[in-house]
Amino acid sequence: MPLVDMPLEKLKEYQGKNPRPEDFDEYWERAIAEMKAVDAQMELVPSSFQTPQADCFDLYFTGVRGARIHAKYIRPKNVQEPHPAIAQFHGYSSNAGDWLGKLAYASLGFSVLSMDCRGQGGSSEDTGGVKGTTHRGHIIRGLDDEPDNLLFRHIFLDAAQLAGIAMKLPEVDPDQVYAIGGSQGGALTIACAALEPRVKKLAPVYPFLCDYKRVWEMDLAQGSYEELRTFFRHFDPLHEREDEIFEKLGYIDLQHLANRIRGEVLMFVGLMDRTCPPSTQFAAYNKITTPKQVVVYPDFGHENLPGASDRTIQFLLQ
């Protein structure tokens, strides 16, 4: 079988290359405290899109740094309450997507909260406020400022806050809140469950934002990771700050958050993935300490994985 990365037996042992900052735990405890201190001012606005089977709302809440975050919220009708809920996250630069794709979950008795990432293709705000470059992409945003101002720090917190909001909804069973998503959505699924450990189950699909240094060494800083190359070319062409940059990226490297997860995990990986290399995904998966399973697609890359959605919903229904 052709390989773009390590053999599978090596992937299952791989522990990652990107450095973990010494104050990593303190960094995230401080971030969580900031999130919990925010008055979310949650608001539900009935959507113009409605169906006989579910109520549809635009949900708004205030995240860290004052950003107003938007999510689509679908609540099934004629379902015994309290019932389970799914926090859903989208791919890089995209948005929460159409209502239609969420109705399948509602038909099975799940409420769905599908978040627009701040500053990307949806309606959530990006309040800015970092020094230095904001040239393309969110991975590099804040790299020339203090680690507390990394943009993905705030987005990770938004994901966790969304799950916490779901748990407070009167119609939702707080012990049955789950997280799902692919690519960036897979990354935020991990971040959500790591920073809100009450998330019961999570199903990340080829998660992004793991083991940046491995991506760099594989010469795959292209596509979604291209901004790493762009940053070095424009702002550190001699790589004099390389160690500093990768250590700072370590604060938003999901492999270092993965051991905080307390929920059950079902993860999907394509071994031909050149967008989010398999080894970077396994760097996170191998640090998860809770019951877990990885479904491996030997011939697939960063694309639709046949059967993954069906397997995910069966996992959540168990």
C-alpha atoms as a PDB file:
ATOM      1  CA  MET A   1       0.000   0.000   0.000  1.00  0.00           C
ATOM      2  CA  PRO A   2       1.398   3.467  -0.869  1.00  0.00           C
ATOM      3  CA  LEU A   3       2.161   5.719   2.098  1.00  0.00           C
ATOM      4  CA  VAL A   4       2.201   9.480   2.642  1.00  0.00           C
ATOM      5  CA  ASP A   5       3.289   9.042   6.259  1.00  0.00           C
ATOM      6  CA  MET A   6       4.436   6.358   8.688  1.00  0.00           C
ATOM      7  CA  PRO A   7       3.235   2.751   8.583  1.00  0.00           C
ATOM      8  CA  LEU A   8       0.141   2.184  10.679  1.00  0.00           C
ATOM      9  CA  GLU A   9       2.000   0.311  13.417  1.00  0.00           C
ATOM     10  CA  LYS A  10       4.294   3.326  13.862  1.00  0.00           C
ATOM     11  CA  LEU A  11       1.370   5.757  13.790  1.00  0.00           C
ATOM     12  CA  LYS A  12      -0.186   3.927  16.727  1.00  0.00           C
ATOM     13  CA  GLU A  13       2.965   4.596  18.770  1.00  0.00           C
ATOM     14  CA  TYR A  14       3.767   8.135  17.614  1.00  0.00           C
ATOM     15  CA  GLN A  15       3.811  10.794  20.362  1.00  0.00           C
ATOM     16  CA  GLY A  16       4.291  13.985  18.350  1.00  0.00           C
ATOM     17  CA  LYS A  17       7.109  16.466  17.749  1.00  0.00           C
ATOM     18  CA  ASN A  18       5.767  19.919  18.424  1.00  0.00           C
ATOM     19  CA  PRO A  19       7.015  21.199  21.804  1.00  0.00           C
ATOM     20  CA  ARG A  20       4.662  21.550  24.757  1.00  0.00           C
ATOM     21  CA  PRO A  21       5.198  24.848  26.605  1.00  0.00           C
ATOM     22  CA  GLU A  22       6.224  24.427  30.230  1.00  0.00           C
ATOM     23  CA  ASP A  23       3.313  26.530  31.453  1.00  0.00           C
ATOM     24  CA  PHE A  24       0.765  24.807  29.192  1.00  0.00           C
ATOM     25  CA  ASP A  25      -1.573  23.703  31.990  1.00  0.00           C
ATOM     26  CA  GLU A  26      -1.489  27.096  33.688  1.00  0.00           C
ATOM     27  CA  TYR A  27      -2.158  28.740  30.322  1.00  0.00           C
ATOM     28  CA  TRP A  28      -5.358  26.774  29.782  1.00  0.00           C
ATOM     29  CA  GLU A  29      -6.535  27.030  33.388  1.00  0.00           C
ATOM     30  CA  ARG A  30      -6.221  30.796  33.043  1.00  0.00           C
ATOM     31  CA  ALA A  31      -8.105  30.680  29.732  1.00  0.00           C
ATOM     32  CA  ILE A  32     -10.923  28.562  31.184  1.00  0.00           C
ATOM     33  CA  ALA A  33     -11.230  30.980  34.095  1.00  0.00           C
ATOM     34  CA  GLU A  34     -11.546  33.857  31.624  1.00  0.00           C
ATOM     35  CA  MET A  35     -14.257  31.976  29.717  1.00  0.00           C
ATOM     36  CA  LYS A  36     -16.221  31.187  32.881  1.00  0.00           C
ATOM     37  CA  ALA A  37     -16.114  34.831  33.953  1.00  0.00           C
ATOM     38  CA  VAL A  38     -17.858  35.973  30.753  1.00  0.00           C
ATOM     39  CA  ASP A  39     -21.538  36.888  30.891  1.00  0.00           C
ATOM     40  CA  ALA A  40     -22.670  34.882  27.870  1.00  0.00           C
ATOM     41  CA  GLN A  41     -25.914  36.847  27.393  1.00  0.00           C
ATOM     42  CA  MET A  42     -27.341  33.938  25.422  1.00  0.00           C
ATOM     43  CA  GLU A  43     -30.159  34.861  23.043  1.00  0.00           C
ATOM     44  CA  LEU A  44     -32.437  32.647  20.955  1.00  0.00           C
ATOM     45  CA  VAL A  45     -34.023  34.219  17.876  1.00  0.00           C
ATOM     46  CA  PRO A  46     -36.535  32.156  15.873  1.00  0.00           C
ATOM     47  CA  SER A  47     -35.222  31.598  12.362  1.00  0.00           C
ATOM     48  CA  SER A  48     -37.169  32.316   9.202  1.00  0.00           C
ATOM     49  CA  PHE A  49     -36.439  28.662   8.356  1.00  0.00           C
ATOM     50  CA  GLN A  50     -38.856  26.356  10.183  1.00  0.00           C
ATOM     51  CA  THR A  51     -40.073  22.772   9.763  1.00  0.00           C
ATOM     52  CA  PRO A  52     -42.961  20.713  11.198  1.00  0.00           C
ATOM     53  CA  GLN A  53     -40.485  18.401  12.954  1.00  0.00           C
ATOM     54  CA  ALA A  54     -38.132  20.897  14.641  1.00  0.00           C
ATOM     55  CA  ASP A  55     -37.873  24.455  15.904  1.00  0.00           C
ATOM     56  CA  CYS A  56     -34.992  26.411  14.368  1.00  0.00           C
ATOM     57  CA  PHE A  57     -33.245  29.299  16.073  1.00  0.00           C
ATOM     58  CA  ASP A  58     -30.304  31.613  15.638  1.00  0.00           C
ATOM     59  CA  LEU A  59     -28.443  31.324  18.942  1.00  0.00           C
ATOM     60  CA  TYR A  60     -26.082  34.101  20.031  1.00  0.00           C
ATOM     61  CA  PHE A  61     -23.702  34.276  22.973  1.00  0.00           C
ATOM     62  CA  THR A  62     -20.796  36.436  24.058  1.00  0.00           C
ATOM     63  CA  GLY A  63     -17.422  34.707  24.092  1.00  0.00           C
ATOM     64  CA  VAL A  64     -14.051  35.795  25.438  1.00  0.00           C
ATOM     65  CA  ARG A  65     -12.821  39.242  24.419  1.00  0.00           C
ATOM     66  CA  GLY A  66     -16.390  40.365  23.841  1.00  0.00           C
ATOM     67  CA  ALA A  67     -17.018  38.586  20.537  1.00  0.00           C
ATOM     68  CA  ARG A  68     -20.629  37.813  19.767  1.00  0.00           C
ATOM     69  CA  ILE A  69     -20.758  34.185  18.597  1.00  0.00           C
ATOM     70  CA  HIS A  70     -23.519  32.730  16.420  1.00  0.00           C
ATOM     71  CA  ALA A  71     -24.763  29.160  16.176  1.00  0.00           C
ATOM     72  CA  LYS A  72     -27.679  27.518  14.447  1.00  0.00           C
ATOM     73  CA  TYR A  73     -29.852  25.726  16.970  1.00  0.00           C
ATOM     74  CA  ILE A  74     -32.339  23.019  16.028  1.00  0.00           C
ATOM     75  CA  ARG A  75     -34.631  21.617  18.707  1.00  0.00           C
ATOM     76  CA  PRO A  76     -36.802  18.601  17.879  1.00  0.00           C
ATOM     77  CA  LYS A  77     -40.533  18.763  18.510  1.00  0.00           C
ATOM     78  CA  ASN A  78     -42.534  16.036  20.234  1.00  0.00           C
ATOM     79  CA  VAL A  79     -39.462  14.564  21.945  1.00  0.00           C
ATOM     80  CA  GLN A  80     -39.394  13.604  25.586  1.00  0.00           C
ATOM     81  CA  GLU A  81     -37.317  16.035  27.591  1.00  0.00           C
ATOM     82  CA  PRO A  82     -34.601  16.274  28.634  1.00  0.00           C
ATOM     83  CA  HIS A  83     -32.942  14.881  25.534  1.00  0.00           C
ATOM     84  CA  PRO A  84     -29.364  14.676  24.120  1.00  0.00           C
ATOM     85  CA  ALA A  85     -27.649  17.476  22.226  1.00  0.00           C
ATOM     86  CA  ILE A  86     -24.821  17.692  19.707  1.00  0.00           C
ATOM     87  CA  ALA A  87     -22.298  20.511  19.439  1.00  0.00           C
ATOM     88  CA  GLN A  88     -21.248  20.587  15.775  1.00  0.00           C
ATOM     89  CA  PHE A  89     -18.197  22.326  14.291  1.00  0.00           C
ATOM     90  CA  HIS A  90     -17.314  23.174  10.689  1.00  0.00           C
ATOM     91  CA  GLY A  91     -14.175  23.107   8.529  1.00  0.00           C
ATOM     92  CA  TYR A  92     -11.587  25.870   8.215  1.00  0.00           C
ATOM     93  CA  SER A  93     -12.918  29.199   6.878  1.00  0.00           C
ATOM     94  CA  SER A  94     -16.402  27.746   6.327  1.00  0.00           C
ATOM     95  CA  ASN A  95     -19.602  28.164   8.364  1.00  0.00           C
ATOM     96  CA  ALA A  96     -22.340  26.247  10.130  1.00  0.00           C
ATOM     97  CA  GLY A  97     -23.934  25.239   6.831  1.00  0.00           C
ATOM     98  CA  ASP A  98     -27.566  24.739   5.864  1.00  0.00           C
ATOM     99  CA  TRP A  99     -30.330  23.806   8.252  1.00  0.00           C
ATOM    100  CA  LEU A 100     -31.260  20.736   6.221  1.00  0.00           C
ATOM    101  CA  GLY A 101     -28.186  18.714   7.142  1.00  0.00           C
ATOM    102  CA  LYS A 102     -28.991  19.047  10.837  1.00  0.00           C
ATOM    103  CA  LEU A 103     -32.568  17.808  10.597  1.00  0.00           C
ATOM    104  CA  ALA A 104     -31.460  14.173  10.432  1.00  0.00           C
ATOM    105  CA  TYR A 105     -30.110  14.490  13.978  1.00  0.00           C
ATOM    106  CA  ALA A 106     -33.281  16.247  15.132  1.00  0.00           C
ATOM    107  CA  SER A 107     -35.385  13.442  13.647  1.00  0.00           C
ATOM    108  CA  LEU A 108     -33.533  11.046  15.968  1.00  0.00           C
ATOM    109  CA  GLY A 109     -34.240  13.157  19.040  1.00  0.00           C
ATOM    110  CA  PHE A 110     -31.080  15.289  19.245  1.00  0.00           C
ATOM    111  CA  SER A 111     -30.918  19.030  19.593  1.00  0.00           C
ATOM    112  CA  VAL A 112     -28.078  20.433  17.463  1.00  0.00           C
ATOM    113  CA  LEU A 113     -25.967  23.536  18.112  1.00  0.00           C
ATOM    114  CA  SER A 114     -23.816  24.264  15.054  1.00  0.00           C
ATOM    115  CA  MET A 115     -21.319  27.076  15.649  1.00  0.00           C
ATOM    116  CA  ASP A 116     -19.927  29.655  13.237  1.00  0.00           C
ATOM    117  CA  CYS A 117     -16.233  30.111  14.104  1.00  0.00           C
ATOM    118  CA  ARG A 118     -15.363  33.700  14.861  1.00  0.00           C
ATOM    119  CA  GLY A 119     -13.895  35.580  11.913  1.00  0.00           C
ATOM    120  CA  GLN A 120     -14.549  32.849   9.359  1.00  0.00           C
ATOM    121  CA  GLY A 121     -17.365  32.292   6.855  1.00  0.00           C
ATOM    122  CA  GLY A 122     -20.347  32.658   9.153  1.00  0.00           C
ATOM    123  CA  SER A 123     -21.932  35.311  11.355  1.00  0.00           C
ATOM    124  CA  SER A 124     -19.689  35.197  14.436  1.00  0.00           C
ATOM    125  CA  GLU A 125     -17.626  38.247  15.258  1.00  0.00           C
ATOM    126  CA  ASP A 126     -13.852  38.545  15.411  1.00  0.00           C
ATOM    127  CA  THR A 127     -13.089  41.445  17.719  1.00  0.00           C
ATOM    128  CA  GLY A 128      -9.376  41.432  16.880  1.00  0.00           C
ATOM    129  CA  GLY A 129      -7.001  43.126  19.258  1.00  0.00           C
ATOM    130  CA  VAL A 130      -3.649  41.440  18.607  1.00  0.00           C
ATOM    131  CA  LYS A 131      -0.404  43.097  17.669  1.00  0.00           C
ATOM    132  CA  GLY A 132       1.564  42.253  14.530  1.00  0.00           C
ATOM    133  CA  THR A 133       0.477  40.362  11.455  1.00  0.00           C
ATOM    134  CA  THR A 134      -2.988  39.066  10.753  1.00  0.00           C
ATOM    135  CA  HIS A 135      -1.889  38.046   7.242  1.00  0.00           C
ATOM    136  CA  ARG A 136      -4.265  35.331   6.071  1.00  0.00           C
ATOM    137  CA  GLY A 137      -5.307  32.533   8.333  1.00  0.00           C
ATOM    138  CA  HIS A 138      -6.009  32.041  11.967  1.00  0.00           C
ATOM    139  CA  ILE A 139      -3.132  29.736  12.922  1.00  0.00           C
ATOM    140  CA  ILE A 140      -0.645  32.599  12.722  1.00  0.00           C
ATOM    141  CA  ARG A 141      -2.910  35.256  14.208  1.00  0.00           C
ATOM    142  CA  GLY A 142      -1.374  36.351  17.483  1.00  0.00           C
ATOM    143  CA  LEU A 143       2.054  34.771  16.936  1.00  0.00           C
ATOM    144  CA  ASP A 144       3.683  38.205  17.281  1.00  0.00           C
ATOM    145  CA  ASP A 145       1.787  38.922  20.489  1.00  0.00           C
ATOM    146  CA  GLU A 146       1.402  37.286  23.893  1.00  0.00           C
ATOM    147  CA  PRO A 147       0.238  33.648  23.860  1.00  0.00           C
ATOM    148  CA  ASP A 148      -3.031  34.684  25.532  1.00  0.00           C
ATOM    149  CA  ASN A 149      -3.900  36.550  22.326  1.00  0.00           C
ATOM    150  CA  LEU A 150      -3.628  33.609  19.934  1.00  0.00           C
ATOM    151  CA  LEU A 151      -6.850  33.599  17.964  1.00  0.00           C
ATOM    152  CA  PHE A 152      -7.313  29.844  18.093  1.00  0.00           C
ATOM    153  CA  ARG A 153      -7.194  30.064  21.895  1.00  0.00           C
ATOM    154  CA  HIS A 154     -10.376  32.094  21.692  1.00  0.00           C
ATOM    155  CA  ILE A 155     -11.975  29.770  19.122  1.00  0.00           C
ATOM    156  CA  PHE A 156     -11.198  26.706  21.273  1.00  0.00           C
ATOM    157  CA  LEU A 157     -12.866  28.464  24.202  1.00  0.00           C
ATOM    158  CA  ASP A 158     -15.903  29.303  22.049  1.00  0.00           C
ATOM    159  CA  ALA A 159     -16.298  25.593  21.304  1.00  0.00           C
ATOM    160  CA  ALA A 160     -16.163  24.670  24.985  1.00  0.00           C
ATOM    161  CA  GLN A 161     -18.525  27.502  25.909  1.00  0.00           C
ATOM    162  CA  LEU A 162     -21.041  26.291  23.324  1.00  0.00           C
ATOM    163  CA  ALA A 163     -21.142  22.858  24.981  1.00  0.00           C
ATOM    164  CA  GLY A 164     -21.596  24.480  28.370  1.00  0.00           C
ATOM    165  CA  ILE A 165     -24.490  26.551  27.019  1.00  0.00           C
ATOM    166  CA  ALA A 166     -26.090  23.405  25.627  1.00  0.00           C
ATOM    167  CA  MET A 167     -25.886  21.794  29.071  1.00  0.00           C
ATOM    168  CA  LYS A 168     -27.832  24.691  30.584  1.00  0.00           C
ATOM    169  CA  LEU A 169     -30.725  24.539  28.129  1.00  0.00           C
ATOM    170  CA  PRO A 170     -33.783  23.229  30.003  1.00  0.00           C
ATOM    171  CA  GLU A 171     -34.691  20.784  27.227  1.00  0.00           C
ATOM    172  CA  VAL A 172     -31.204  19.211  27.121  1.00  0.00           C
ATOM    173  CA  ASP A 173     -29.878  16.402  29.312  1.00  0.00           C
ATOM    174  CA  PRO A 174     -26.511  17.798  30.516  1.00  0.00           C
ATOM    175  CA  ASP A 175     -25.157  14.250  30.801  1.00  0.00           C
ATOM    176  CA  GLN A 176     -25.791  13.611  27.106  1.00  0.00           C
ATOM    177  CA  VAL A 177     -23.976  16.400  25.294  1.00  0.00           C
ATOM    178  CA  TYR A 178     -21.763  15.260  22.413  1.00  0.00           C
ATOM    179  CA  ALA A 179     -19.364  16.902  19.941  1.00  0.00           C
ATOM    180  CA  ILE A 180     -18.758  16.198  16.253  1.00  0.00           C
ATOM    181  CA  GLY A 181     -16.947  17.705  13.260  1.00  0.00           C
ATOM    182  CA  GLY A 182     -14.368  17.175  10.544  1.00  0.00           C
ATOM    183  CA  SER A 183     -10.997  18.831   9.818  1.00  0.00           C
ATOM    184  CA  GLN A 184     -11.092  22.138  11.731  1.00  0.00           C
ATOM    185  CA  GLY A 185     -14.388  20.810  13.034  1.00  0.00           C
ATOM    186  CA  GLY A 186     -12.566  17.696  14.224  1.00  0.00           C
ATOM    187  CA  ALA A 187     -10.015  19.900  15.955  1.00  0.00           C
ATOM    188  CA  LEU A 188     -12.749  21.895  17.687  1.00  0.00           C
ATOM    189  CA  THR A 189     -14.483  18.653  18.660  1.00  0.00           C
ATOM    190  CA  ILE A 190     -11.321  17.685  20.563  1.00  0.00           C
ATOM    191  CA  ALA A 191     -10.879  21.185  22.002  1.00  0.00           C
ATOM    192  CA  CYS A 192     -14.521  21.293  23.090  1.00  0.00           C
ATOM    193  CA  ALA A 193     -14.307  18.005  24.977  1.00  0.00           C
ATOM    194  CA  ALA A 194     -10.894  18.803  26.445  1.00  0.00           C
ATOM    195  CA  LEU A 195     -11.908  22.208  27.815  1.00  0.00           C
ATOM    196  CA  GLU A 196     -15.464  21.131  28.765  1.00  0.00           C
ATOM    197  CA  PRO A 197     -14.770  17.629  30.125  1.00  0.00           C
ATOM    198  CA  ARG A 198     -18.472  16.938  30.760  1.00  0.00           C
ATOM    199  CA  VAL A 199     -18.867  16.252  27.023  1.00  0.00           C
ATOM    200  CA  LYS A 200     -19.882  12.606  27.058  1.00  0.00           C
ATOM    201  CA  LYS A 201     -18.910  11.437  23.561  1.00  0.00           C
ATOM    202  CA  LEU A 202     -16.989  12.942  20.668  1.00  0.00           C
ATOM    203  CA  ALA A 203     -16.422  11.902  17.069  1.00  0.00           C
ATOM    204  CA  PRO A 204     -13.624  13.905  15.412  1.00  0.00           C
ATOM    205  CA  VAL A 205     -12.928  13.281  11.716  1.00  0.00           C
ATOM    206  CA  TYR A 206      -9.331  13.870  10.505  1.00  0.00           C
ATOM    207  CA  PRO A 207      -8.670  16.664  13.031  1.00  0.00           C
ATOM    208  CA  PHE A 208      -6.694  19.747  12.020  1.00  0.00           C
ATOM    209  CA  LEU A 209      -4.389  21.794  14.327  1.00  0.00           C
ATOM    210  CA  CYS A 210      -2.223  18.968  15.642  1.00  0.00           C
ATOM    211  CA  ASP A 211       1.584  18.678  15.721  1.00  0.00           C
ATOM    212  CA  TYR A 212       2.541  21.715  13.627  1.00  0.00           C
ATOM    213  CA  LYS A 213       6.229  20.857  13.607  1.00  0.00           C
ATOM    214  CA  ARG A 214       5.537  17.449  12.084  1.00  0.00           C
ATOM    215  CA  VAL A 215       3.528  19.134   9.304  1.00  0.00           C
ATOM    216  CA  TRP A 216       6.473  21.442   8.691  1.00  0.00           C
ATOM    217  CA  GLU A 217       9.058  18.659   8.614  1.00  0.00           C
ATOM    218  CA  MET A 218       6.920  16.668   6.165  1.00  0.00           C
ATOM    219  CA  ASP A 219       6.914  19.687   3.836  1.00  0.00           C
ATOM    220  CA  LEU A 220       3.123  19.714   3.945  1.00  0.00           C
ATOM    221  CA  ALA A 221       2.674  23.326   5.077  1.00  0.00           C
ATOM    222  CA  GLN A 222       0.315  23.895   2.193  1.00  0.00           C
ATOM    223  CA  GLY A 223      -3.433  24.172   1.803  1.00  0.00           C
ATOM    224  CA  SER A 224      -4.852  24.614   5.298  1.00  0.00           C
ATOM    225  CA  TYR A 225      -1.383  24.848   6.836  1.00  0.00           C
ATOM    226  CA  GLU A 226       0.071  27.136   4.148  1.00  0.00           C
ATOM    227  CA  GLU A 227       0.048  30.139   6.459  1.00  0.00           C
ATOM    228  CA  LEU A 228       2.911  28.567   8.442  1.00  0.00           C
ATOM    229  CA  ARG A 229       5.104  28.805   5.371  1.00  0.00           C
ATOM    230  CA  THR A 230       3.786  32.279   4.608  1.00  0.00           C
ATOM    231  CA  PHE A 231       4.601  33.454   8.125  1.00  0.00           C
ATOM    232  CA  PHE A 232       8.203  32.274   7.933  1.00  0.00           C
ATOM    233  CA  ARG A 233       8.686  33.696   4.441  1.00  0.00           C
ATOM    234  CA  HIS A 234       7.387  37.132   5.373  1.00  0.00           C
ATOM    235  CA  PHE A 235       8.259  37.509   9.042  1.00  0.00           C
ATOM    236  CA  ASP A 236      11.153  35.146   9.827  1.00  0.00           C
ATOM    237  CA  PRO A 237      12.865  34.334   6.515  1.00  0.00           C
ATOM    238  CA  LEU A 238      16.066  33.098   8.198  1.00  0.00           C
ATOM    239  CA  HIS A 239      14.131  30.992  10.736  1.00  0.00           C
ATOM    240  CA  GLU A 240      15.859  32.766  13.603  1.00  0.00           C
ATOM    241  CA  ARG A 241      12.670  32.441  15.650  1.00  0.00           C
ATOM    242  CA  GLU A 242      11.721  28.923  14.575  1.00  0.00           C
ATOM    243  CA  ASP A 243      11.981  27.354  18.040  1.00  0.00           C
ATOM    244  CA  GLU A 244      10.029  30.219  19.587  1.00  0.00           C
ATOM    245  CA  ILE A 245       7.294  30.002  16.955  1.00  0.00           C
ATOM    246  CA  PHE A 246       6.714  26.269  17.278  1.00  0.00           C
ATOM    247  CA  GLU A 247       6.729  26.480  21.065  1.00  0.00           C
ATOM    248  CA  LYS A 248       4.102  29.226  20.954  1.00  0.00           C
ATOM    249  CA  LEU A 249       2.041  27.131  18.550  1.00  0.00           C
ATOM    250  CA  GLY A 250       2.247  24.419  21.191  1.00  0.00           C
ATOM    251  CA  TYR A 251      -0.359  26.282  23.236  1.00  0.00           C
ATOM    252  CA  ILE A 252      -2.923  25.642  20.481  1.00  0.00           C
ATOM    253  CA  ASP A 253      -1.704  22.153  19.538  1.00  0.00           C
ATOM    254  CA  LEU A 254      -4.498  19.719  20.261  1.00  0.00           C
ATOM    255  CA  GLN A 255      -2.207  16.814  20.995  1.00  0.00           C
ATOM    256  CA  HIS A 256      -1.359  18.602  24.255  1.00  0.00           C
ATOM    257  CA  LEU A 257      -5.024  19.078  25.192  1.00  0.00           C
ATOM    258  CA  ALA A 258      -6.100  15.536  24.334  1.00  0.00           C
ATOM    259  CA  ASN A 259      -5.344  14.037  27.756  1.00  0.00           C
ATOM    260  CA  ARG A 260      -7.957  16.348  29.300  1.00  0.00           C
ATOM    261  CA  ILE A 261     -10.779  14.570  27.474  1.00  0.00           C
ATOM    262  CA  ARG A 262     -13.091  12.579  29.756  1.00  0.00           C
ATOM    263  CA  GLY A 263     -15.622  11.431  27.170  1.00  0.00           C
ATOM    264  CA  GLU A 264     -15.635   8.369  24.923  1.00  0.00           C
ATOM    265  CA  VAL A 265     -13.960   8.913  21.547  1.00  0.00           C
ATOM    266  CA  LEU A 266     -14.610   7.630  18.027  1.00  0.00           C
ATOM    267  CA  MET A 267     -12.073   9.082  15.577  1.00  0.00           C
ATOM    268  CA  PHE A 268     -11.696   8.724  11.800  1.00  0.00           C
ATOM    269  CA  VAL A 269      -8.404   8.944   9.903  1.00  0.00           C
ATOM    270  CA  GLY A 270      -7.518   8.597   6.212  1.00  0.00           C
ATOM    271  CA  LEU A 271      -3.994   7.279   5.708  1.00  0.00           C
ATOM    272  CA  MET A 272      -3.589   9.174   2.414  1.00  0.00           C
ATOM    273  CA  ASP A 273      -4.371  12.541   4.009  1.00  0.00           C
ATOM    274  CA  ARG A 274      -1.907  15.204   2.816  1.00  0.00           C
ATOM    275  CA  THR A 275      -3.910  18.071   4.330  1.00  0.00           C
ATOM    276  CA  CYS A 276      -3.821  16.856   7.930  1.00  0.00           C
ATOM    277  CA  PRO A 277      -1.134  14.141   7.893  1.00  0.00           C
ATOM    278  CA  PRO A 278      -2.106  10.939   9.740  1.00  0.00           C
ATOM    279  CA  SER A 279       0.816  11.166  12.144  1.00  0.00           C
ATOM    280  CA  THR A 280      -0.363  14.575  13.371  1.00  0.00           C
ATOM    281  CA  GLN A 281      -3.793  13.132  14.083  1.00  0.00           C
ATOM    282  CA  PHE A 282      -2.362  10.107  15.865  1.00  0.00           C
ATOM    283  CA  ALA A 283      -0.202  12.423  17.998  1.00  0.00           C
ATOM    284  CA  ALA A 284      -3.473  13.610  19.534  1.00  0.00           C
ATOM    285  CA  TYR A 285      -5.288  10.265  19.488  1.00  0.00           C
ATOM    286  CA  ASN A 286      -2.449   8.452  21.243  1.00  0.00           C
ATOM    287  CA  LYS A 287      -2.656  10.854  24.194  1.00  0.00           C
ATOM    288  CA  ILE A 288      -6.354  10.249  24.832  1.00  0.00           C
ATOM    289  CA  THR A 289      -6.717   8.141  27.976  1.00  0.00           C
ATOM    290  CA  THR A 290     -10.468   7.421  27.914  1.00  0.00           C
ATOM    291  CA  PRO A 291     -12.243   4.606  26.010  1.00  0.00           C
ATOM    292  CA  LYS A 292     -11.481   5.242  22.354  1.00  0.00           C
ATOM    293  CA  GLN A 293     -11.544   3.755  18.886  1.00  0.00           C
ATOM    294  CA  VAL A 294      -9.971   4.913  15.635  1.00  0.00           C
ATOM    295  CA  VAL A 295     -11.457   3.950  12.266  1.00  0.00           C
ATOM    296  CA  VAL A 296      -8.744   3.894   9.593  1.00  0.00           C
ATOM    297  CA  TYR A 297      -9.404   4.398   5.870  1.00  0.00           C
ATOM    298  CA  PRO A 298      -6.234   3.158   4.112  1.00  0.00           C
ATOM    299  CA  ASP A 299      -6.989   4.584   0.638  1.00  0.00           C
ATOM    300  CA  PHE A 300      -8.653   7.881   1.580  1.00  0.00           C
ATOM    301  CA  GLY A 301      -7.317  11.358   2.157  1.00  0.00           C
ATOM    302  CA  HIS A 302      -8.972  14.583   3.315  1.00  0.00           C
ATOM    303  CA  GLU A 303     -12.311  13.831   1.707  1.00  0.00           C
ATOM    304  CA  ASN A 304     -15.653  12.215   2.336  1.00  0.00           C
ATOM    305  CA  LEU A 305     -15.133   8.975   4.250  1.00  0.00           C
ATOM    306  CA  PRO A 306     -17.877   6.496   3.268  1.00  0.00           C
ATOM    307  CA  GLY A 307     -19.848   5.263   6.231  1.00  0.00           C
ATOM    308  CA  ALA A 308     -18.311   7.669   8.750  1.00  0.00           C
ATOM    309  CA  SER A 309     -21.539   9.620   9.306  1.00  0.00           C
ATOM    310  CA  ASP A 310     -23.559   6.429   9.776  1.00  0.00           C
ATOM    311  CA  ARG A 311     -21.017   5.055  12.205  1.00  0.00           C
ATOM    312  CA  THR A 312     -20.978   8.344  14.111  1.00  0.00           C
ATOM    313  CA  ILE A 313     -24.721   8.449  14.647  1.00  0.00           C
ATOM    314  CA  GLN A 314     -24.771   4.809  15.786  1.00  0.00           C
ATOM    315  CA  PHE A 315     -22.010   5.684  18.268  1.00  0.00           C
ATOM    316  CA  LEU A 316     -24.033   8.609  19.634  1.00  0.00           C
ATOM    317  CA  LEU A 317     -27.211   6.538  19.869  1.00  0.00           C
ATOM    318  CA  GLN A 318     -25.611   3.760  21.930  1.00  0.00           C
END
